Amino acid sequence: MTRVILYHDKGGVPCGFECRGHAGFAEEGHDIVCAAVSVLATTCVNALESVAGQTPELETGDGLVKAHLDQPNHDAVVLLKAFEQGIQDIGQSYSKYIRITVR
């Protein structure tokens, strides 16, 4: 199961996310849930840099993408909200393979 944590600041503004683990929907290389989460997370991190002009604190590894911004600007907040929408959509369709929490 993939576990996703959506990080929000004290005011409820999105400031990052963490995706950890493999979904287990299918064997490695054929897992559409893992692929969807990976593409969404990678695109968000890249857009935070290229569109919002902010470089998140980033941690990556096997089955891990964690990105965090201390003070996200307007564009970064929009991108993080788009990430949240996308991950929620994946979670609704594949609820047995992804768990989403907000902190």
Protein backbone atom coordinates (compact mmCIF):
# COMPACT_ATOMS: atom_id res chain seq x y z
CA MET A 1 0.00 0.00 0.00
CA THR A 2 1.17 3.51 -0.78
CA ARG A 3 0.82 5.94 2.11
CA VAL A 4 0.47 9.61 1.27
CA ILE A 5 0.74 12.38 3.83
CA LEU A 6 -0.44 15.83 2.80
CA TYR A 7 1.34 18.43 4.91
CA HIS A 8 -0.48 21.64 5.81
CA ASP A 9 0.73 24.54 7.95
CA LYS A 10 -1.15 25.70 11.05
CA GLY A 11 -3.45 27.81 8.87
CA GLY A 12 -4.39 24.83 6.70
CA VAL A 13 -2.29 25.92 3.72
CA PRO A 14 -0.63 23.03 1.85
CA CYS A 15 3.15 23.05 2.22
CA GLY A 16 4.25 19.59 1.07
CA PHE A 17 3.60 15.89 0.77
CA GLU A 18 5.11 12.48 1.36
CA CYS A 19 4.47 9.37 -0.73
CA ARG A 20 5.86 6.16 0.76
CA GLY A 21 5.65 2.52 -0.20
CA HIS A 22 4.56 0.51 -3.21
CA ALA A 23 0.89 0.13 -3.97
CA GLY A 24 0.87 -3.59 -4.67
CA PHE A 25 -1.78 -3.30 -7.37
CA ALA A 26 0.36 -5.31 -9.80
CA GLU A 27 3.90 -6.59 -10.08
CA GLU A 28 6.75 -4.10 -10.31
CA GLY A 29 6.87 -2.43 -13.69
CA HIS A 30 3.15 -3.01 -14.29
CA ASP A 31 1.64 -1.23 -11.30
CA ILE A 32 -0.55 1.59 -12.62
CA VAL A 33 -1.24 2.95 -9.13
CA CYS A 34 2.46 3.33 -8.34
CA ALA A 35 3.01 4.86 -11.77
CA ALA A 36 0.20 7.37 -11.30
CA VAL A 37 1.42 8.43 -7.85
CA SER A 38 5.03 8.67 -9.09
CA VAL A 39 4.13 10.81 -12.11
CA LEU A 40 1.95 13.10 -10.02
CA ALA A 41 4.62 13.55 -7.32
CA THR A 42 7.47 14.06 -9.79
CA THR A 43 5.47 16.55 -11.85
CA CYS A 44 4.54 18.50 -8.73
CA VAL A 45 8.15 18.70 -7.51
CA ASN A 46 9.37 19.76 -10.96
CA ALA A 47 6.60 22.38 -11.28
CA LEU A 48 7.34 23.77 -7.81
CA GLU A 49 10.79 24.57 -9.17
CA SER A 50 10.02 25.56 -12.77
CA VAL A 51 6.63 27.24 -12.35
CA ALA A 52 6.53 28.47 -8.74
CA GLY A 53 10.26 29.22 -8.59
CA GLN A 54 10.66 27.42 -5.26
CA THR A 55 12.95 24.50 -4.50
CA PRO A 56 11.40 22.19 -1.91
CA GLU A 57 13.32 20.27 0.71
CA LEU A 58 13.35 16.93 -1.05
CA GLU A 59 13.92 13.35 0.06
CA THR A 60 13.73 10.46 -2.39
CA GLY A 61 14.46 6.77 -2.31
CA ASP A 62 12.96 3.43 -3.23
CA GLY A 63 9.24 3.99 -2.86
CA LEU A 64 9.70 7.46 -1.34
CA VAL A 65 9.14 11.03 -2.48
CA LYS A 66 8.93 13.68 0.23
CA ALA A 67 8.76 17.39 -0.59
CA HIS A 68 8.31 20.32 1.77
CA LEU A 69 8.31 24.11 1.52
CA ASP A 70 8.65 26.32 4.60
CA GLN A 71 6.84 29.26 3.02
CA PRO A 72 5.06 28.32 -0.20
CA ASN A 73 4.22 31.19 -2.48
CA HIS A 74 0.85 31.52 -4.26
CA ASP A 75 1.90 29.43 -7.27
CA ALA A 76 3.32 26.70 -5.04
CA VAL A 77 0.06 26.53 -3.07
CA VAL A 78 -1.90 26.15 -6.31
CA LEU A 79 0.41 23.34 -7.45
CA LEU A 80 0.18 21.56 -4.10
CA LYS A 81 -3.61 21.84 -4.19
CA ALA A 82 -3.56 20.32 -7.68
CA PHE A 83 -1.37 17.49 -6.34
CA GLU A 84 -3.87 16.96 -3.52
CA GLN A 85 -6.79 16.83 -5.96
CA GLY A 86 -4.97 14.32 -8.15
CA ILE A 87 -3.95 12.08 -5.27
CA GLN A 88 -7.49 12.17 -3.84
CA ASP A 89 -8.85 11.15 -7.26
CA ILE A 90 -6.42 8.21 -7.40
CA GLY A 91 -7.35 7.31 -3.83
CA GLN A 92 -11.06 7.22 -4.68
CA SER A 93 -10.48 4.89 -7.60
CA TYR A 94 -7.93 2.63 -5.89
CA SER A 95 -8.75 2.87 -2.19
CA LYS A 96 -7.37 -0.61 -1.44
CA TYR A 97 -3.91 0.47 -2.59
CA ILE A 98 -3.46 3.99 -1.27
CA ARG A 99 -4.01 5.63 2.13
CA ILE A 100 -4.11 9.42 2.40
CA THR A 101 -3.79 11.45 5.59
CA VAL A 102 -3.49 15.18 6.25
CA ARG A 103 -1.10 16.61 8.84
